[in-house]
N, C-alpha and C. Protein backbone atom coordinates (compact mmCIF):
# COMPACT_ATOMS: atom_id res chain seq x y z
N MET A 1 9.71 -16.24 14.32
CA MET A 1 9.22 -16.85 13.28
C MET A 1 9.23 -15.86 12.50
N ASP A 2 10.55 -15.79 11.51
CA ASP A 2 10.79 -14.56 10.12
C ASP A 2 10.09 -15.37 8.94
N SER A 3 8.87 -15.30 8.76
CA SER A 3 8.51 -15.51 7.56
C SER A 3 8.08 -14.47 6.69
N PHE A 4 8.15 -14.53 5.09
CA PHE A 4 7.76 -13.67 4.40
C PHE A 4 5.97 -13.51 4.11
N TRP A 5 5.44 -12.15 4.19
CA TRP A 5 4.18 -11.68 4.26
C TRP A 5 3.48 -11.63 2.92
N PHE A 6 4.52 -11.36 1.87
CA PHE A 6 3.87 -10.70 0.57
C PHE A 6 4.51 -11.61 -0.56
N LYS A 7 4.25 -11.79 -1.96
CA LYS A 7 4.82 -12.51 -3.15
C LYS A 7 5.30 -10.93 -3.29
N PRO A 8 6.25 -11.13 -4.36
CA PRO A 8 6.74 -10.03 -5.03
C PRO A 8 6.15 -9.94 -5.98
N LYS A 9 5.92 -8.74 -6.89
CA LYS A 9 5.26 -8.26 -8.23
C LYS A 9 6.41 -9.15 -9.35
N ALA A 10 5.68 -9.70 -10.50
CA ALA A 10 6.47 -10.22 -11.55
C ALA A 10 7.18 -9.15 -12.24
N TYR A 11 6.45 -7.93 -12.42
CA TYR A 11 7.24 -6.85 -13.25
C TYR A 11 7.19 -5.39 -12.24
N GLY A 12 7.84 -4.60 -12.30
CA GLY A 12 7.85 -3.31 -11.83
C GLY A 12 8.44 -3.69 -10.16
N TRP A 13 8.02 -2.74 -9.48
CA TRP A 13 8.49 -2.39 -8.00
C TRP A 13 7.21 -2.37 -7.41
N GLY A 14 7.37 -3.43 -6.10
CA GLY A 14 6.37 -3.20 -5.23
C GLY A 14 6.32 -4.70 -4.77
N VAL A 15 4.74 -4.60 -4.00
CA VAL A 15 4.64 -6.07 -3.42
C VAL A 15 3.46 -6.91 -4.05
N GLY A 16 3.24 -7.81 -4.11
CA GLY A 16 2.14 -8.34 -4.79
C GLY A 16 1.14 -8.80 -3.82
N LEU A 17 0.40 -10.11 -3.82
CA LEU A 17 -0.57 -10.29 -3.01
C LEU A 17 -0.05 -10.98 -1.47
N PRO A 18 -0.69 -10.76 -0.68
CA PRO A 18 -0.22 -11.58 0.45
C PRO A 18 -0.31 -13.08 0.78
N ILE A 19 0.91 -13.72 1.24
CA ILE A 19 0.77 -15.30 1.17
C ILE A 19 0.69 -15.72 2.58
N ILE A 20 0.56 -14.87 3.38
CA ILE A 20 -0.18 -15.51 5.09
C ILE A 20 -0.83 -14.55 5.71
N TRP A 21 -1.39 -14.88 6.89
CA TRP A 21 -2.39 -14.02 7.19
C TRP A 21 -2.00 -12.68 7.56
N GLN A 22 -0.92 -12.53 8.25
CA GLN A 22 -0.09 -11.27 8.58
C GLN A 22 -0.06 -10.23 7.64
N GLY A 23 0.12 -10.64 6.48
CA GLY A 23 0.04 -9.78 5.11
C GLY A 23 -1.37 -9.45 4.89
N TRP A 24 -2.20 -10.11 4.91
CA TRP A 24 -3.55 -9.76 4.70
C TRP A 24 -4.01 -9.00 5.87
N VAL A 25 -3.37 -8.75 7.24
CA VAL A 25 -3.94 -7.87 7.89
C VAL A 25 -3.55 -6.70 7.66
N ALA A 26 -1.98 -6.30 7.24
CA ALA A 26 -1.62 -5.33 6.56
C ALA A 26 -2.08 -4.83 5.78
N LEU A 27 -2.85 -5.36 4.93
CA LEU A 27 -3.19 -4.97 3.50
C LEU A 27 -4.84 -4.25 4.36
N LEU A 28 -5.57 -5.23 4.69
CA LEU A 28 -6.53 -4.80 5.23
C LEU A 28 -6.36 -3.62 6.19
N GLY A 29 -5.22 -3.68 6.85
CA GLY A 29 -4.75 -1.94 7.75
C GLY A 29 -4.70 -0.70 6.38
N PHE A 30 -3.92 -1.20 5.89
CA PHE A 30 -3.72 -0.05 4.56
C PHE A 30 -4.90 0.34 4.06
N LEU A 31 -5.87 -0.54 3.65
CA LEU A 31 -7.21 -0.19 3.03
C LEU A 31 -8.02 0.31 4.01
N ILE A 32 -7.83 0.37 5.17
CA ILE A 32 -8.77 1.01 6.14
C ILE A 32 -8.18 2.50 6.56
N LEU A 33 -6.89 2.42 6.11
CA LEU A 33 -6.49 3.70 5.97
C LEU A 33 -6.84 4.76 5.11
N VAL A 34 -6.79 3.79 3.90
CA VAL A 34 -7.00 4.70 2.69
C VAL A 34 -8.47 5.46 2.84
N LEU A 35 -9.55 4.43 3.22
CA LEU A 35 -10.57 5.08 3.63
C LEU A 35 -11.04 5.86 4.57
N ALA A 36 -10.03 6.13 5.59
CA ALA A 36 -10.26 7.15 6.34
C ALA A 36 -9.79 8.01 6.34
N PHE A 37 -8.63 8.50 5.33
CA PHE A 37 -8.22 9.53 4.77
C PHE A 37 -9.19 10.29 3.65
N ALA A 38 -9.71 9.18 2.80
CA ALA A 38 -10.86 9.65 2.05
C ALA A 38 -11.92 10.35 3.05
N PHE A 39 -12.44 9.73 3.61
CA PHE A 39 -13.67 10.33 4.75
C PHE A 39 -12.95 11.51 5.05
N VAL A 40 -11.78 11.36 6.17
CA VAL A 40 -11.29 13.02 6.61
C VAL A 40 -11.20 13.80 5.44
N ASP A 41 -10.60 13.80 4.34
CA ASP A 41 -10.46 14.78 3.70
C ASP A 41 -11.74 15.47 2.50
N GLY A 42 -12.66 14.63 2.81
CA GLY A 42 -14.15 15.07 2.49
C GLY A 42 -14.35 14.26 0.80
N VAL A 43 -13.41 13.42 0.34
CA VAL A 43 -13.88 12.60 -0.91
C VAL A 43 -14.92 12.29 -1.05
N PHE A 44 -15.50 11.89 -0.03
CA PHE A 44 -17.03 11.15 -0.40
C PHE A 44 -18.52 12.31 -0.51
N MET A 45 -17.86 13.54 -0.48
CA MET A 45 -19.30 14.53 -0.28
C MET A 45 -19.40 14.72 -1.73
N LYS A 46 -20.63 15.62 -1.89
CA LYS A 46 -21.22 15.73 -3.44
C LYS A 46 -20.45 16.74 -4.16
N THR A 47 -19.70 17.75 -3.44
CA THR A 47 -19.31 18.83 -3.89
C THR A 47 -17.86 18.72 -3.58
N VAL A 48 -16.76 18.69 -4.07
CA VAL A 48 -15.24 18.21 -3.10
C VAL A 48 -14.58 19.44 -4.01
N PRO A 49 -14.05 19.98 -3.05
CA PRO A 49 -13.10 21.11 -3.65
C PRO A 49 -11.79 20.51 -4.18
N VAL A 50 -10.92 21.05 -5.40
CA VAL A 50 -9.44 20.66 -5.67
C VAL A 50 -8.79 20.57 -4.16
N GLY A 51 -8.56 21.12 -3.50
CA GLY A 51 -7.65 21.21 -2.50
C GLY A 51 -7.98 19.87 -1.88
N SER A 52 -9.21 19.29 -1.70
CA SER A 52 -9.27 17.92 -0.98
C SER A 52 -8.50 16.78 -1.72
N TYR A 53 -8.85 16.88 -2.92
CA TYR A 53 -8.16 15.84 -3.97
C TYR A 53 -6.53 15.76 -3.66
N LEU A 54 -6.09 17.13 -3.94
CA LEU A 54 -4.49 17.12 -3.60
C LEU A 54 -4.06 16.60 -2.39
N ARG A 55 -5.06 16.85 -1.41
CA ARG A 55 -4.26 16.81 0.35
C ARG A 55 -4.73 14.93 0.13
N PHE A 56 -5.66 14.61 -0.24
CA PHE A 56 -6.07 12.88 -0.47
C PHE A 56 -4.75 12.28 -1.43
N THR A 57 -4.68 13.10 -2.50
CA THR A 57 -3.51 12.52 -3.05
C THR A 57 -2.34 12.46 -2.47
N LEU A 58 -1.94 13.29 -1.87
CA LEU A 58 -0.82 13.28 -0.87
C LEU A 58 -0.77 12.38 0.17
N ASP A 59 -1.90 12.19 0.80
CA ASP A 59 -2.10 11.32 1.96
C ASP A 59 -1.63 9.74 1.44
N ILE A 60 -2.34 9.44 0.58
CA ILE A 60 -2.05 8.04 -0.11
C ILE A 60 -0.85 7.90 -0.34
N ILE A 61 0.08 9.09 -1.03
CA ILE A 61 1.42 8.60 -1.68
C ILE A 61 2.29 8.48 -0.22
N THR A 62 1.91 9.15 1.04
CA THR A 62 2.72 9.28 2.17
C THR A 62 2.38 7.74 2.72
N ILE A 63 1.12 7.34 3.03
CA ILE A 63 0.97 6.10 3.62
C ILE A 63 1.35 5.05 2.79
N SER A 64 1.70 5.23 1.49
CA SER A 64 2.07 3.58 0.43
C SER A 64 3.78 3.74 0.69
N ILE A 65 4.16 4.94 0.74
CA ILE A 65 5.69 4.73 1.32
C ILE A 65 5.93 4.42 2.66
N LEU A 66 4.96 4.63 3.57
CA LEU A 66 5.54 4.26 4.80
C LEU A 66 5.33 2.98 4.73
N PHE A 67 4.18 2.31 4.28
CA PHE A 67 3.86 0.74 4.01
C PHE A 67 4.81 0.19 3.52
N CYS A 68 5.55 0.57 2.37
CA CYS A 68 6.70 -0.10 2.11
C CYS A 68 7.92 -0.40 2.91
N TYR A 69 8.20 1.10 3.22
CA TYR A 69 9.32 1.34 4.23
C TYR A 69 9.32 0.11 5.41
N ILE A 70 8.18 0.01 6.01
CA ILE A 70 7.95 -0.53 7.29
C ILE A 70 7.89 -2.25 6.65
N PHE A 71 7.27 -2.56 5.62
CA PHE A 71 7.13 -3.97 5.33
C PHE A 71 8.25 -4.61 4.12
N GLN A 72 9.33 -3.55 3.77
CA GLN A 72 10.24 -4.12 3.15
C GLN A 72 10.94 -5.18 3.17
N ASN A 73 11.07 -5.67 4.42
CA ASN A 73 11.52 -7.11 4.95
C ASN A 73 10.62 -8.31 4.72
N LYS A 74 9.55 -8.05 4.55
CA LYS A 74 8.11 -9.18 4.70
C LYS A 74 7.74 -9.67 3.09
N VAL A 75 8.70 -8.89 2.11
CA VAL A 75 8.49 -9.39 0.99
C VAL A 75 9.63 -10.32 0.64
N GLU A 76 8.92 -11.42 -0.23
CA GLU A 76 10.02 -12.61 -0.44
C GLU A 76 11.05 -12.19 -1.50
N GLY A 77 12.21 -11.95 -1.24
CA GLY A 77 13.42 -11.52 -1.93
C GLY A 77 13.26 -9.97 -2.31
N GLY A 78 13.05 -9.27 -1.33
CA GLY A 78 12.76 -7.98 -1.01
C GLY A 78 12.03 -6.96 -2.00
N LEU A 79 12.23 -5.71 -1.64
CA LEU A 79 11.46 -4.72 -2.59
C LEU A 79 12.81 -4.27 -3.79
N LYS A 80 12.20 -4.52 -4.87
CA LYS A 80 13.23 -4.25 -6.04
C LYS A 80 12.71 -4.44 -7.42
N TRP A 81 13.21 -3.86 -7.93
CA TRP A 81 12.43 -3.80 -9.87
C TRP A 81 13.01 -5.08 -10.17
N ARG A 82 11.89 -5.65 -10.89
CA ARG A 82 11.48 -7.05 -11.28
C ARG A 82 11.06 -6.85 -12.98
N TRP A 83 11.83 -7.75 -13.84
CA TRP A 83 11.68 -7.93 -14.90
C TRP A 83 10.66 -9.07 -15.62
N GLY A 84 10.37 -9.53 -14.78
CA GLY A 84 9.71 -11.02 -14.89
C GLY A 84 10.56 -12.26 -14.69
N LYS A 85 9.86 -13.41 -15.22
CA LYS A 85 10.56 -14.45 -14.94
C LYS A 85 10.89 -15.00 -16.27
N GLY A 86 12.40 -15.07 -16.24
CA GLY A 86 12.90 -15.85 -17.61
C GLY A 86 13.55 -15.18 -18.58
């Protein structure tokens, strides 16, 4: 069964909220990765070097690109720029 996991955003580029459970699992996995990278990069420490913030930013950009690439066919209408309805 090849169904869509995410609604498209009304404005801009990207995915909206999940519409079936597989989308929610993918979103939860993404959030777990974000928290894991924050922990590994030391973002939760009391004193954080600037390099850790830069590394965390690059990690988030990388996993966001991978997330969009992997799930681009699971968005209703595909990933593209949208100007709203109407």
